[in-house]
PDB file of N, CA and C in Angstrom:
ATOM      1  N   MET A   1     -29.639  26.098 -20.417  1.00  0.00           N
ATOM      2  CA  MET A   1     -28.243  26.025 -20.801  1.00  0.00           C
ATOM      3  C   MET A   1     -27.446  27.182 -20.215  1.00  0.00           C
ATOM      4  N   LYS A   2     -28.019  28.388 -20.236  1.00  0.00           N
ATOM      5  CA  LYS A   2     -27.313  29.548 -19.685  1.00  0.00           C
ATOM      6  C   LYS A   2     -27.092  29.395 -18.190  1.00  0.00           C
ATOM      7  N   LEU A   3     -28.090  28.859 -17.489  1.00  0.00           N
ATOM      8  CA  LEU A   3     -27.968  28.682 -16.045  1.00  0.00           C
ATOM      9  C   LEU A   3     -26.829  27.723 -15.712  1.00  0.00           C
ATOM     10  N   ALA A   4     -26.714  26.659 -16.461  1.00  0.00           N
ATOM     11  CA  ALA A   4     -25.637  25.685 -16.250  1.00  0.00           C
ATOM     12  C   ALA A   4     -24.275  26.333 -16.488  1.00  0.00           C
ATOM     13  N   THR A   5     -24.170  27.153 -17.500  1.00  0.00           N
ATOM     14  CA  THR A   5     -22.918  27.856 -17.803  1.00  0.00           C
ATOM     15  C   THR A   5     -22.561  28.816 -16.678  1.00  0.00           C
ATOM     16  N   ILE A   6     -23.530  29.540 -16.183  1.00  0.00           N
ATOM     17  CA  ILE A   6     -23.296  30.494 -15.090  1.00  0.00           C
ATOM     18  C   ILE A   6     -22.848  29.756 -13.831  1.00  0.00           C
ATOM     19  N   VAL A   7     -23.489  28.645 -13.531  1.00  0.00           N
ATOM     20  CA  VAL A   7     -23.118  27.854 -12.353  1.00  0.00           C
ATOM     21  C   VAL A   7     -21.690  27.337 -12.486  1.00  0.00           C
ATOM     22  N   LEU A   8     -21.356  26.810 -13.653  1.00  0.00           N
ATOM     23  CA  LEU A   8     -19.993  26.305 -13.879  1.00  0.00           C
ATOM     24  C   LEU A   8     -18.959  27.423 -13.773  1.00  0.00           C
ATOM     25  N   GLN A   9     -19.262  28.568 -14.339  1.00  0.00           N
ATOM     26  CA  GLN A   9     -18.332  29.695 -14.256  1.00  0.00           C
ATOM     27  C   GLN A   9     -18.160  30.148 -12.804  1.00  0.00           C
ATOM     28  N   SER A  10     -19.246  30.164 -12.052  1.00  0.00           N
ATOM     29  CA  SER A  10     -19.179  30.562 -10.641  1.00  0.00           C
ATOM     30  C   SER A  10     -18.326  29.591  -9.840  1.00  0.00           C
ATOM     31  N   LEU A  11     -18.535  28.298 -10.063  1.00  0.00           N
ATOM     32  CA  LEU A  11     -17.738  27.290  -9.363  1.00  0.00           C
ATOM     33  C   LEU A  11     -16.258  27.419  -9.718  1.00  0.00           C
ATOM     34  N   PHE A  12     -15.987  27.678 -10.989  1.00  0.00           N
ATOM     35  CA  PHE A  12     -14.610  27.850 -11.436  1.00  0.00           C
ATOM     36  C   PHE A  12     -13.964  29.051 -10.747  1.00  0.00           C
ATOM     37  N   LEU A  13     -14.676  30.149 -10.653  1.00  0.00           N
ATOM     38  CA  LEU A  13     -14.151  31.355  -9.998  1.00  0.00           C
ATOM     39  C   LEU A  13     -13.892  31.115  -8.514  1.00  0.00           C
ATOM     40  N   ILE A  14     -14.792  30.384  -7.875  1.00  0.00           N
ATOM     41  CA  ILE A  14     -14.592  30.064  -6.457  1.00  0.00           C
ATOM     42  C   ILE A  14     -13.340  29.222  -6.288  1.00  0.00           C
ATOM     43  N   PHE A  15     -13.173  28.224  -7.149  1.00  0.00           N
ATOM     44  CA  PHE A  15     -11.998  27.365  -7.093  1.00  0.00           C
ATOM     45  C   PHE A  15     -10.718  28.167  -7.293  1.00  0.00           C
ATOM     46  N   ILE A  16     -10.697  29.007  -8.301  1.00  0.00           N
ATOM     47  CA  ILE A  16      -9.503  29.811  -8.597  1.00  0.00           C
ATOM     48  C   ILE A  16      -9.200  30.774  -7.460  1.00  0.00           C
ATOM     49  N   SER A  17     -10.210  31.416  -6.899  1.00  0.00           N
ATOM     50  CA  SER A  17      -9.968  32.374  -5.811  1.00  0.00           C
ATOM     51  C   SER A  17      -9.442  31.672  -4.571  1.00  0.00           C
ATOM     52  N   SER A  18      -9.942  30.466  -4.271  1.00  0.00           N
ATOM     53  CA  SER A  18      -9.425  29.747  -3.109  1.00  0.00           C
ATOM     54  C   SER A  18      -7.994  29.307  -3.353  1.00  0.00           C
ATOM     55  N   PHE A  19      -7.667  28.937  -4.583  1.00  0.00           N
ATOM     56  CA  PHE A  19      -6.301  28.555  -4.925  1.00  0.00           C
ATOM     57  C   PHE A  19      -5.350  29.736  -4.745  1.00  0.00           C
ATOM     58  N   ILE A  20      -5.764  30.910  -5.202  1.00  0.00           N
ATOM     59  CA  ILE A  20      -4.937  32.115  -5.079  1.00  0.00           C
ATOM     60  C   ILE A  20      -4.739  32.483  -3.620  1.00  0.00           C
ATOM     61  N   CYS A  21      -5.803  32.415  -2.818  1.00  0.00           N
ATOM     62  CA  CYS A  21      -5.692  32.734  -1.390  1.00  0.00           C
ATOM     63  C   CYS A  21      -4.756  31.773  -0.687  1.00  0.00           C
ATOM     64  N   ASN A  22      -4.850  30.483  -1.003  1.00  0.00           N
ATOM     65  CA  ASN A  22      -3.948  29.503  -0.394  1.00  0.00           C
ATOM     66  C   ASN A  22      -2.510  29.746  -0.806  1.00  0.00           C
ATOM     67  N   ALA A  23      -2.293  30.123  -2.064  1.00  0.00           N
ATOM     68  CA  ALA A  23      -0.937  30.399  -2.533  1.00  0.00           C
ATOM     69  C   ALA A  23      -0.346  31.584  -1.785  1.00  0.00           C
ATOM     70  N   GLN A  24      -1.163  32.631  -1.544  1.00  0.00           N
ATOM     71  CA  GLN A  24      -0.674  33.789  -0.802  1.00  0.00           C
ATOM     72  C   GLN A  24      -0.341  33.395   0.638  1.00  0.00           C
ATOM     73  N   SER A  25      -1.181  32.561   1.229  1.00  0.00           N
ATOM     74  CA  SER A  25      -0.929  32.088   2.585  1.00  0.00           C
ATOM     75  C   SER A  25       0.349  31.263   2.639  1.00  0.00           C
ATOM     76  N   ASP A  26       0.549  30.400   1.646  1.00  0.00           N
ATOM     77  CA  ASP A  26       1.750  29.580   1.574  1.00  0.00           C
ATOM     78  C   ASP A  26       2.995  30.443   1.453  1.00  0.00           C
ATOM     79  N   ASN A  27       2.913  31.501   0.641  1.00  0.00           N
ATOM     80  CA  ASN A  27       4.064  32.393   0.473  1.00  0.00           C
ATOM     81  C   ASN A  27       4.403  33.098   1.780  1.00  0.00           C
ATOM     82  N   ALA A  28       3.393  33.533   2.509  1.00  0.00           N
ATOM     83  CA  ALA A  28       3.634  34.204   3.784  1.00  0.00           C
ATOM     84  C   ALA A  28       4.289  33.245   4.770  1.00  0.00           C
ATOM     85  N   LYS A  29       3.831  32.004   4.788  1.00  0.00           N
ATOM     86  CA  LYS A  29       4.396  30.994   5.680  1.00  0.00           C
ATOM     87  C   LYS A  29       5.851  30.711   5.296  1.00  0.00           C
ATOM     88  N   ALA A  30       6.121  30.621   4.000  1.00  0.00           N
ATOM     89  CA  ALA A  30       7.484  30.383   3.529  1.00  0.00           C
ATOM     90  C   ALA A  30       8.407  31.528   3.932  1.00  0.00           C
ATOM     91  N   GLU A  31       7.912  32.747   3.805  1.00  0.00           N
ATOM     92  CA  GLU A  31       8.718  33.908   4.188  1.00  0.00           C
ATOM     93  C   GLU A  31       9.003  33.905   5.691  1.00  0.00           C
ATOM     94  N   LEU A  32       8.014  33.529   6.489  1.00  0.00           N
ATOM     95  CA  LEU A  32       8.207  33.443   7.933  1.00  0.00           C
ATOM     96  C   LEU A  32       9.277  32.402   8.273  1.00  0.00           C
ATOM     97  N   ILE A  33       9.170  31.241   7.659  1.00  0.00           N
ATOM     98  CA  ILE A  33      10.131  30.164   7.926  1.00  0.00           C
ATOM     99  C   ILE A  33      11.537  30.578   7.503  1.00  0.00           C
ATOM    100  N   ASP A  34      11.660  31.173   6.342  1.00  0.00           N
ATOM    101  CA  ASP A  34      12.975  31.626   5.873  1.00  0.00           C
ATOM    102  C   ASP A  34      13.548  32.711   6.783  1.00  0.00           C
ATOM    103  N   SER A  35      12.690  33.611   7.254  1.00  0.00           N
ATOM    104  CA  SER A  35      13.122  34.667   8.165  1.00  0.00           C
ATOM    105  C   SER A  35      13.616  34.086   9.496  1.00  0.00           C
ATOM    106  N   LEU A  36      12.871  33.133  10.031  1.00  0.00           N
ATOM    107  CA  LEU A  36      13.282  32.502  11.294  1.00  0.00           C
ATOM    108  C   LEU A  36      14.599  31.744  11.137  1.00  0.00           C
ATOM    109  N   THR A  37      14.764  31.097   9.986  1.00  0.00           N
ATOM    110  CA  THR A  37      16.019  30.376   9.715  1.00  0.00           C
ATOM    111  C   THR A  37      17.194  31.347   9.678  1.00  0.00           C
ATOM    112  N   LYS A  38      17.011  32.463   8.995  1.00  0.00           N
ATOM    113  CA  LYS A  38      18.086  33.461   8.905  1.00  0.00           C
ATOM    114  C   LYS A  38      18.412  34.048  10.275  1.00  0.00           C
ATOM    115  N   LYS A  39      17.382  34.262  11.098  1.00  0.00           N
ATOM    116  CA  LYS A  39      17.627  34.776  12.451  1.00  0.00           C
ATOM    117  C   LYS A  39      18.411  33.766  13.275  1.00  0.00           C
ATOM    118  N   GLY A  40      18.059  32.502  13.150  1.00  0.00           N
ATOM    119  CA  GLY A  40      18.803  31.453  13.850  1.00  0.00           C
ATOM    120  C   GLY A  40      20.254  31.415  13.405  1.00  0.00           C
ATOM    121  N   ASP A  41      20.463  31.489  12.099  1.00  0.00           N
ATOM    122  CA  ASP A  41      21.829  31.485  11.565  1.00  0.00           C
ATOM    123  C   ASP A  41      22.622  32.703  12.042  1.00  0.00           C
ATOM    124  N   ALA A  42      21.957  33.860  12.085  1.00  0.00           N
ATOM    125  CA  ALA A  42      22.626  35.088  12.534  1.00  0.00           C
ATOM    126  C   ALA A  42      23.022  34.980  14.004  1.00  0.00           C
ATOM    127  N   GLU A  43      22.120  34.458  14.823  1.00  0.00           N
ATOM    128  CA  GLU A  43      22.433  34.298  16.257  1.00  0.00           C
ATOM    129  C   GLU A  43      23.569  33.297  16.450  1.00  0.00           C
ATOM    130  N   PHE A  44      23.571  32.231  15.664  1.00  0.00           N
ATOM    131  CA  PHE A  44      24.653  31.246  15.753  1.00  0.00           C
ATOM    132  C   PHE A  44      25.990  31.897  15.416  1.00  0.00           C
ATOM    133  N   SER A  45      26.005  32.697  14.345  1.00  0.00           N
ATOM    134  CA  SER A  45      27.267  33.337  13.945  1.00  0.00           C
ATOM    135  C   SER A  45      27.750  34.362  14.967  1.00  0.00           C
ATOM    136  N   LYS A  46      26.809  34.922  15.761  1.00  0.00           N
ATOM    137  CA  LYS A  46      27.179  35.854  16.833  1.00  0.00           C
ATOM    138  C   LYS A  46      27.486  35.124  18.142  1.00  0.00           C
ATOM    139  N   LYS A  47      27.453  33.789  18.080  1.00  0.00           N
ATOM    140  CA  LYS A  47      27.715  32.924  19.234  1.00  0.00           C
ATOM    141  C   LYS A  47      26.644  33.043  20.322  1.00  0.00           C
ATOM    142  N   ASN A  48      25.459  33.467  19.924  1.00  0.00           N
ATOM    143  CA  ASN A  48      24.301  33.483  20.822  1.00  0.00           C
ATOM    144  C   ASN A  48      23.545  32.172  20.604  1.00  0.00           C
ATOM    145  N   TYR A  49      24.126  31.105  21.130  1.00  0.00           N
ATOM    146  CA  TYR A  49      23.641  29.765  20.797  1.00  0.00           C
ATOM    147  C   TYR A  49      22.243  29.476  21.345  1.00  0.00           C
ATOM    148  N   ARG A  50      21.928  29.981  22.517  1.00  0.00           N
ATOM    149  CA  ARG A  50      20.583  29.760  23.071  1.00  0.00           C
ATOM    150  C   ARG A  50      19.512  30.432  22.189  1.00  0.00           C
ATOM    151  N   ASP A  51      19.827  31.624  21.715  1.00  0.00           N
ATOM    152  CA  ASP A  51      18.888  32.312  20.819  1.00  0.00           C
ATOM    153  C   ASP A  51      18.777  31.575  19.486  1.00  0.00           C
ATOM    154  N   ALA A  52      19.896  31.039  19.021  1.00  0.00           N
ATOM    155  CA  ALA A  52      19.869  30.266  17.773  1.00  0.00           C
ATOM    156  C   ALA A  52      18.960  29.050  17.927  1.00  0.00           C
ATOM    157  N   VAL A  53      19.081  28.353  19.049  1.00  0.00           N
ATOM    158  CA  VAL A  53      18.224  27.191  19.310  1.00  0.00           C
ATOM    159  C   VAL A  53      16.760  27.623  19.315  1.00  0.00           C
ATOM    160  N   TYR A  54      16.484  28.758  19.935  1.00  0.00           N
ATOM    161  CA  TYR A  54      15.111  29.270  19.977  1.00  0.00           C
ATOM    162  C   TYR A  54      14.547  29.435  18.571  1.00  0.00           C
ATOM    163  N   PHE A  55      15.299  30.075  17.677  1.00  0.00           N
ATOM    164  CA  PHE A  55      14.808  30.319  16.321  1.00  0.00           C
ATOM    165  C   PHE A  55      14.712  29.024  15.519  1.00  0.00           C
ATOM    166  N   TYR A  56      15.679  28.120  15.698  1.00  0.00           N
ATOM    167  CA  TYR A  56      15.601  26.832  15.004  1.00  0.00           C
ATOM    168  C   TYR A  56      14.403  26.024  15.505  1.00  0.00           C
ATOM    169  N   ASP A  57      14.099  26.122  16.795  1.00  0.00           N
ATOM    170  CA  ASP A  57      12.893  25.472  17.336  1.00  0.00           C
ATOM    171  C   ASP A  57      11.647  26.000  16.633  1.00  0.00           C
ATOM    172  N   LYS A  58      11.598  27.308  16.444  1.00  0.00           N
ATOM    173  CA  LYS A  58      10.444  27.931  15.789  1.00  0.00           C
ATOM    174  C   LYS A  58      10.307  27.455  14.336  1.00  0.00           C
ATOM    175  N   VAL A  59      11.433  27.318  13.645  1.00  0.00           N
ATOM    176  CA  VAL A  59      11.398  26.827  12.257  1.00  0.00           C
ATOM    177  C   VAL A  59      10.803  25.424  12.226  1.00  0.00           C
ATOM    178  N   ILE A  60      11.300  24.562  13.099  1.00  0.00           N
ATOM    179  CA  ILE A  60      10.815  23.181  13.141  1.00  0.00           C
ATOM    180  C   ILE A  60       9.338  23.147  13.506  1.00  0.00           C
ATOM    181  N   GLN A  61       8.938  23.994  14.440  1.00  0.00           N
ATOM    182  CA  GLN A  61       7.528  24.071  14.842  1.00  0.00           C
ATOM    183  C   GLN A  61       6.648  24.507  13.666  1.00  0.00           C
ATOM    184  N   GLU A  62       7.072  25.527  12.942  1.00  0.00           N
ATOM    185  CA  GLU A  62       6.300  26.009  11.796  1.00  0.00           C
ATOM    186  C   GLU A  62       6.215  24.943  10.695  1.00  0.00           C
ATOM    187  N   CYS A  63       7.313  24.276  10.446  1.00  0.00           N
ATOM    188  CA  CYS A  63       7.310  23.225   9.423  1.00  0.00           C
ATOM    189  C   CYS A  63       6.422  22.061   9.842  1.00  0.00           C
ATOM    190  N   SER A  64       6.429  21.735  11.116  1.00  0.00           N
ATOM    191  CA  SER A  64       5.581  20.644  11.613  1.00  0.00           C
ATOM    192  C   SER A  64       4.111  20.993  11.465  1.00  0.00           C
ATOM    193  N   SER A  65       3.759  22.247  11.699  1.00  0.00           N
ATOM    194  CA  SER A  65       2.352  22.642  11.581  1.00  0.00           C
ATOM    195  C   SER A  65       1.882  22.564  10.131  1.00  0.00           C
ATOM    196  N   ILE A  66       2.767  22.787   9.191  1.00  0.00           N
ATOM    197  CA  ILE A  66       2.418  22.677   7.782  1.00  0.00           C
ATOM    198  C   ILE A  66       2.094  21.228   7.452  1.00  0.00           C
ATOM    199  N   VAL A  67       2.946  20.334   7.898  1.00  0.00           N
ATOM    200  CA  VAL A  67       2.761  18.912   7.607  1.00  0.00           C
ATOM    201  C   VAL A  67       1.467  18.408   8.229  1.00  0.00           C
ATOM    202  N   LYS A  68       1.177  18.831   9.459  1.00  0.00           N
ATOM    203  CA  LYS A  68      -0.009  18.347  10.158  1.00  0.00           C
ATOM    204  C   LYS A  68      -1.298  18.932   9.609  1.00  0.00           C
ATOM    205  N   SER A  69      -1.289  20.206   9.252  1.00  0.00           N
ATOM    206  CA  SER A  69      -2.550  20.867   8.917  1.00  0.00           C
ATOM    207  C   SER A  69      -2.853  20.926   7.422  1.00  0.00           C
ATOM    208  N   GLU A  70      -1.863  20.779   6.589  1.00  0.00           N
ATOM    209  CA  GLU A  70      -2.089  20.970   5.168  1.00  0.00           C
ATOM    210  C   GLU A  70      -1.469  19.831   4.368  1.00  0.00           C
ATOM    211  N   LYS A  71      -2.096  18.668   4.401  1.00  0.00           N
ATOM    212  CA  LYS A  71      -1.572  17.514   3.672  1.00  0.00           C
ATOM    213  C   LYS A  71      -1.576  17.800   2.180  1.00  0.00           C
ATOM    214  N   GLY A  72      -0.537  17.300   1.520  1.00  0.00           N
ATOM    215  CA  GLY A  72      -0.445  17.484   0.080  1.00  0.00           C
ATOM    216  C   GLY A  72       0.053  18.856  -0.321  1.00  0.00           C
ATOM    217  N   ILE A  73       0.546  19.628   0.643  1.00  0.00           N
ATOM    218  CA  ILE A  73       1.001  20.986   0.337  1.00  0.00           C
ATOM    219  C   ILE A  73       2.326  20.929  -0.428  1.00  0.00           C
ATOM    220  N   THR A  74       2.549  21.887  -1.262  1.00  0.00           N
ATOM    221  CA  THR A  74       3.812  21.951  -1.985  1.00  0.00           C
ATOM    222  C   THR A  74       4.899  22.425  -1.028  1.00  0.00           C
ATOM    223  N   VAL A  75       6.135  22.223  -1.404  1.00  0.00           N
ATOM    224  CA  VAL A  75       7.249  22.621  -0.544  1.00  0.00           C
ATOM    225  C   VAL A  75       7.246  24.135  -0.405  1.00  0.00           C
ATOM    226  N   LEU A  76       7.175  24.598   0.828  1.00  0.00           N
ATOM    227  CA  LEU A  76       7.103  26.030   1.081  1.00  0.00           C
ATOM    228  C   LEU A  76       8.465  26.649   1.292  1.00  0.00           C
ATOM    229  N   SER A  77       9.337  25.903   1.898  1.00  0.00           N
ATOM    230  CA  SER A  77      10.630  26.453   2.254  1.00  0.00           C
ATOM    231  C   SER A  77      11.650  25.334   2.242  1.00  0.00           C
ATOM    232  N   LEU A  78      12.824  25.645   1.785  1.00  0.00           N
ATOM    233  CA  LEU A  78      13.883  24.652   1.786  1.00  0.00           C
ATOM    234  C   LEU A  78      14.154  24.164   3.203  1.00  0.00           C
ATOM    235  N   ALA A  79      13.971  25.025   4.184  1.00  0.00           N
ATOM    236  CA  ALA A  79      14.211  24.641   5.576  1.00  0.00           C
ATOM    237  C   ALA A  79      13.319  23.481   6.003  1.00  0.00           C
ATOM    238  N   CYS A  80      12.130  23.397   5.434  1.00  0.00           N
ATOM    239  CA  CYS A  80      11.192  22.337   5.816  1.00  0.00           C
ATOM    240  C   CYS A  80      11.574  20.985   5.236  1.00  0.00           C
ATOM    241  N   THR A  81      12.369  20.971   4.212  1.00  0.00           N
ATOM    242  CA  THR A  81      12.761  19.713   3.591  1.00  0.00           C
ATOM    243  C   THR A  81      14.223  19.390   3.839  1.00  0.00           C
ATOM    244  N   SER A  82      14.939  20.322   4.383  1.00  0.00           N
ATOM    245  CA  SER A  82      16.370  20.152   4.586  1.00  0.00           C
ATOM    246  C   SER A  82      16.664  19.612   5.978  1.00  0.00           C
ATOM    247  N   GLN A  83      17.644  18.771   6.074  1.00  0.00           N
ATOM    248  CA  GLN A  83      18.081  18.263   7.374  1.00  0.00           C
ATOM    249  C   GLN A  83      19.047  19.243   8.043  1.00  0.00           C
ATOM    250  N   ASN A  84      19.409  20.310   7.330  1.00  0.00           N
ATOM    251  CA  ASN A  84      20.341  21.295   7.882  1.00  0.00           C
ATOM    252  C   ASN A  84      19.806  21.960   9.145  1.00  0.00           C
ATOM    253  N   ILE A  85      18.496  22.120   9.231  1.00  0.00           N
ATOM    254  CA  ILE A  85      17.933  22.803  10.402  1.00  0.00           C
ATOM    255  C   ILE A  85      18.217  21.990  11.657  1.00  0.00           C
ATOM    256  N   TYR A  86      18.108  20.657  11.549  1.00  0.00           N
ATOM    257  CA  TYR A  86      18.431  19.800  12.689  1.00  0.00           C
ATOM    258  C   TYR A  86      19.932  19.795  12.960  1.00  0.00           C
ATOM    259  N   LEU A  87      20.710  19.802  11.906  1.00  0.00           N
ATOM    260  CA  LEU A  87      22.163  19.843  12.059  1.00  0.00           C
ATOM    261  C   LEU A  87      22.590  21.139  12.744  1.00  0.00           C
ATOM    262  N   ASN A  88      22.053  22.266  12.289  1.00  0.00           N
ATOM    263  CA  ASN A  88      22.402  23.562  12.872  1.00  0.00           C
ATOM    264  C   ASN A  88      21.957  23.660  14.330  1.00  0.00           C
ATOM    265  N   ARG A  89      20.718  23.181  14.603  1.00  0.00           N
ATOM    266  CA  ARG A  89      20.250  23.221  15.986  1.00  0.00           C
ATOM    267  C   ARG A  89      21.102  22.300  16.851  1.00  0.00           C
ATOM    268  N   GLY A  90      21.491  21.168  16.309  1.00  0.00           N
ATOM    269  CA  GLY A  90      22.365  20.263  17.047  1.00  0.00           C
ATOM    270  C   GLY A  90      23.711  20.899  17.390  1.00  0.00           C
ATOM    271  N   LYS A  91      24.279  21.615  16.450  1.00  0.00           N
ATOM    272  CA  LYS A  91      25.548  22.313  16.695  1.00  0.00           C
ATOM    273  C   LYS A  91      25.390  23.357  17.791  1.00  0.00           C
ATOM    274  N   ALA A  92      24.267  24.099  17.739  1.00  0.00           N
ATOM    275  CA  ALA A  92      24.018  25.122  18.762  1.00  0.00           C
ATOM    276  C   ALA A  92      23.825  24.470  20.130  1.00  0.00           C
ATOM    277  N   LYS A  93      23.094  23.367  20.182  1.00  0.00           N
ATOM    278  CA  LYS A  93      22.886  22.667  21.452  1.00  0.00           C
ATOM    279  C   LYS A  93      24.210  22.136  22.005  1.00  0.00           C
ATOM    280  N   GLU A  94      25.061  21.670  21.112  1.00  0.00           N
ATOM    281  CA  GLU A  94      26.372  21.186  21.540  1.00  0.00           C
ATOM    282  C   GLU A  94      27.173  22.315  22.198  1.00  0.00           C
ATOM    283  N   LYS A  95      27.070  23.512  21.640  1.00  0.00           N
ATOM    284  CA  LYS A  95      27.809  24.668  22.173  1.00  0.00           C
ATOM    285  C   LYS A  95      27.317  25.071  23.562  1.00  0.00           C
ATOM    286  N   ILE A  96      26.038  24.783  23.874  1.00  0.00           N
ATOM    287  CA  ILE A  96      25.526  25.142  25.201  1.00  0.00           C
ATOM    288  C   ILE A  96      25.495  23.916  26.124  1.00  0.00           C
ATOM    289  N   ASP A  97      26.257  22.890  25.737  1.00  0.00           N
ATOM    290  CA  ASP A  97      26.416  21.664  26.525  1.00  0.00           C
ATOM    291  C   ASP A  97      25.138  20.867  26.712  1.00  0.00           C
ATOM    292  N   ASP A  98      24.207  20.996  25.772  1.00  0.00           N
ATOM    293  CA  ASP A  98      23.034  20.120  25.752  1.00  0.00           C
ATOM    294  C   ASP A  98      23.380  18.968  24.818  1.00  0.00           C
ATOM    295  N   LEU A  99      24.228  18.079  25.314  1.00  0.00           N
ATOM    296  CA  LEU A  99      24.766  17.023  24.465  1.00  0.00           C
ATOM    297  C   LEU A  99      23.706  15.997  24.073  1.00  0.00           C
ATOM    298  N   LYS A 100      22.785  15.706  24.979  1.00  0.00           N
ATOM    299  CA  LYS A 100      21.711  14.773  24.658  1.00  0.00           C
ATOM    300  C   LYS A 100      20.836  15.346  23.531  1.00  0.00           C
ATOM    301  N   GLY A 101      20.452  16.620  23.666  1.00  0.00           N
ATOM    302  CA  GLY A 101      19.651  17.277  22.633  1.00  0.00           C
ATOM    303  C   GLY A 101      20.396  17.364  21.310  1.00  0.00           C
ATOM    304  N   ALA A 102      21.697  17.636  21.384  1.00  0.00           N
ATOM    305  CA  ALA A 102      22.513  17.716  20.171  1.00  0.00           C
ATOM    306  C   ALA A 102      22.538  16.360  19.463  1.00  0.00           C
ATOM    307  N   CYS A 103      22.737  15.310  20.244  1.00  0.00           N
ATOM    308  CA  CYS A 103      22.784  13.963  19.673  1.00  0.00           C
ATOM    309  C   CYS A 103      21.459  13.610  18.997  1.00  0.00           C
ATOM    310  N   GLU A 104      20.350  13.944  19.647  1.00  0.00           N
ATOM    311  CA  GLU A 104      19.022  13.672  19.059  1.00  0.00           C
ATOM    312  C   GLU A 104      18.850  14.419  17.737  1.00  0.00           C
ATOM    313  N   ASP A 105      19.291  15.674  17.698  1.00  0.00           N
ATOM    314  CA  ASP A 105      19.168  16.453  16.462  1.00  0.00           C
ATOM    315  C   ASP A 105      20.069  15.893  15.364  1.00  0.00           C
ATOM    316  N   PHE A 106      21.276  15.473  15.732  1.00  0.00           N
ATOM    317  CA  PHE A 106      22.176  14.896  14.737  1.00  0.00           C
ATOM    318  C   PHE A 106      21.577  13.606  14.167  1.00  0.00           C
ATOM    319  N   GLN A 107      20.928  12.824  15.023  1.00  0.00           N
ATOM    320  CA  GLN A 107      20.284  11.601  14.548  1.00  0.00           C
ATOM    321  C   GLN A 107      19.124  11.915  13.596  1.00  0.00           C
ATOM    322  N   LYS A 108      18.349  12.949  13.917  1.00  0.00           N
ATOM    323  CA  LYS A 108      17.250  13.361  13.031  1.00  0.00           C
ATOM    324  C   LYS A 108      17.797  13.828  11.685  1.00  0.00           C
ATOM    325  N   ALA A 109      18.908  14.554  11.725  1.00  0.00           N
ATOM    326  CA  ALA A 109      19.524  15.012  10.473  1.00  0.00           C
ATOM    327  C   ALA A 109      19.984  13.815   9.652  1.00  0.00           C
ATOM    328  N   CYS A 110      20.538  12.825  10.305  1.00  0.00           N
ATOM    329  CA  CYS A 110      21.031  11.638   9.596  1.00  0.00           C
ATOM    330  C   CYS A 110      19.896  10.825   8.985  1.00  0.00           C
ATOM    331  N   LYS A 111      18.760  10.762   9.659  1.00  0.00           N
ATOM    332  CA  LYS A 111      17.624  10.004   9.117  1.00  0.00           C
ATOM    333  C   LYS A 111      17.239  10.523   7.742  1.00  0.00           C
ATOM    334  N   GLY A 112      17.328  11.808   7.561  1.00  0.00           N
ATOM    335  CA  GLY A 112      16.971  12.399   6.273  1.00  0.00           C
ATOM    336  C   GLY A 112      18.011  12.177   5.210  1.00  0.00           C
ATOM    337  N   LEU A 113      19.218  11.831   5.633  1.00  0.00           N
ATOM    338  CA  LEU A 113      20.303  11.626   4.660  1.00  0.00           C
ATOM    339  C   LEU A 113      20.430  10.176   4.231  1.00  0.00           C
ATOM    340  N   GLY A 114      19.710   9.289   4.873  1.00  0.00           N
ATOM    341  CA  GLY A 114      19.730   7.878   4.499  1.00  0.00           C
ATOM    342  C   GLY A 114      21.033   7.217   4.860  1.00  0.00           C
ATOM    343  N   SER A 115      21.633   6.543   3.888  1.00  0.00           N
ATOM    344  CA  SER A 115      22.808   5.724   4.177  1.00  0.00           C
ATOM    345  C   SER A 115      24.092   6.529   4.333  1.00  0.00           C
ATOM    346  N   VAL A 116      24.034   7.829   4.162  1.00  0.00           N
ATOM    347  CA  VAL A 116      25.234   8.654   4.295  1.00  0.00           C
ATOM    348  C   VAL A 116      25.721   8.661   5.742  1.00  0.00           C
ATOM    349  N   CYS A 117      24.767   8.629   6.693  1.00  0.00           N
ATOM    350  CA  CYS A 117      25.112   8.649   8.107  1.00  0.00           C
ATOM    351  C   CYS A 117      25.096   7.253   8.693  1.00  0.00           C
ATOM    352  N   MET A 118      25.901   7.087   9.686  1.00  0.00           N
ATOM    353  CA  MET A 118      25.858   5.833  10.441  1.00  0.00           C
ATOM    354  C   MET A 118      25.299   6.174  11.815  1.00  0.00           C
ATOM    355  N   THR A 119      24.265   5.455  12.263  1.00  0.00           N
ATOM    356  CA  THR A 119      23.691   5.749  13.577  1.00  0.00           C
ATOM    357  C   THR A 119      24.142   4.735  14.586  1.00  0.00           C
TER     358      THR A 119
END
């Protein structure tokens, strides 16, 4: 009976420690995504549109890696669930005359809004 209790307690501790480690990793990823979003927004406000696109690209890349590698993950950052990142990148692309890229981003933003947008 004691051996069974020890085994169960050990398994429980392993489970809890892995949960805590994943939570810390998730928090670090969320902070990175939020930081990249703020950098993109700052560059946009300074009219450095190419740099803004760069940072928005990084946000989208980081969010995509979360979806691909960690199914069932909780929402890490509002940027990953918000269509604003595509809208903001689209605005920046429009400013640098990448109209095709801007249009694609605006369409992606609209897909997330459902019937609010007309495509």
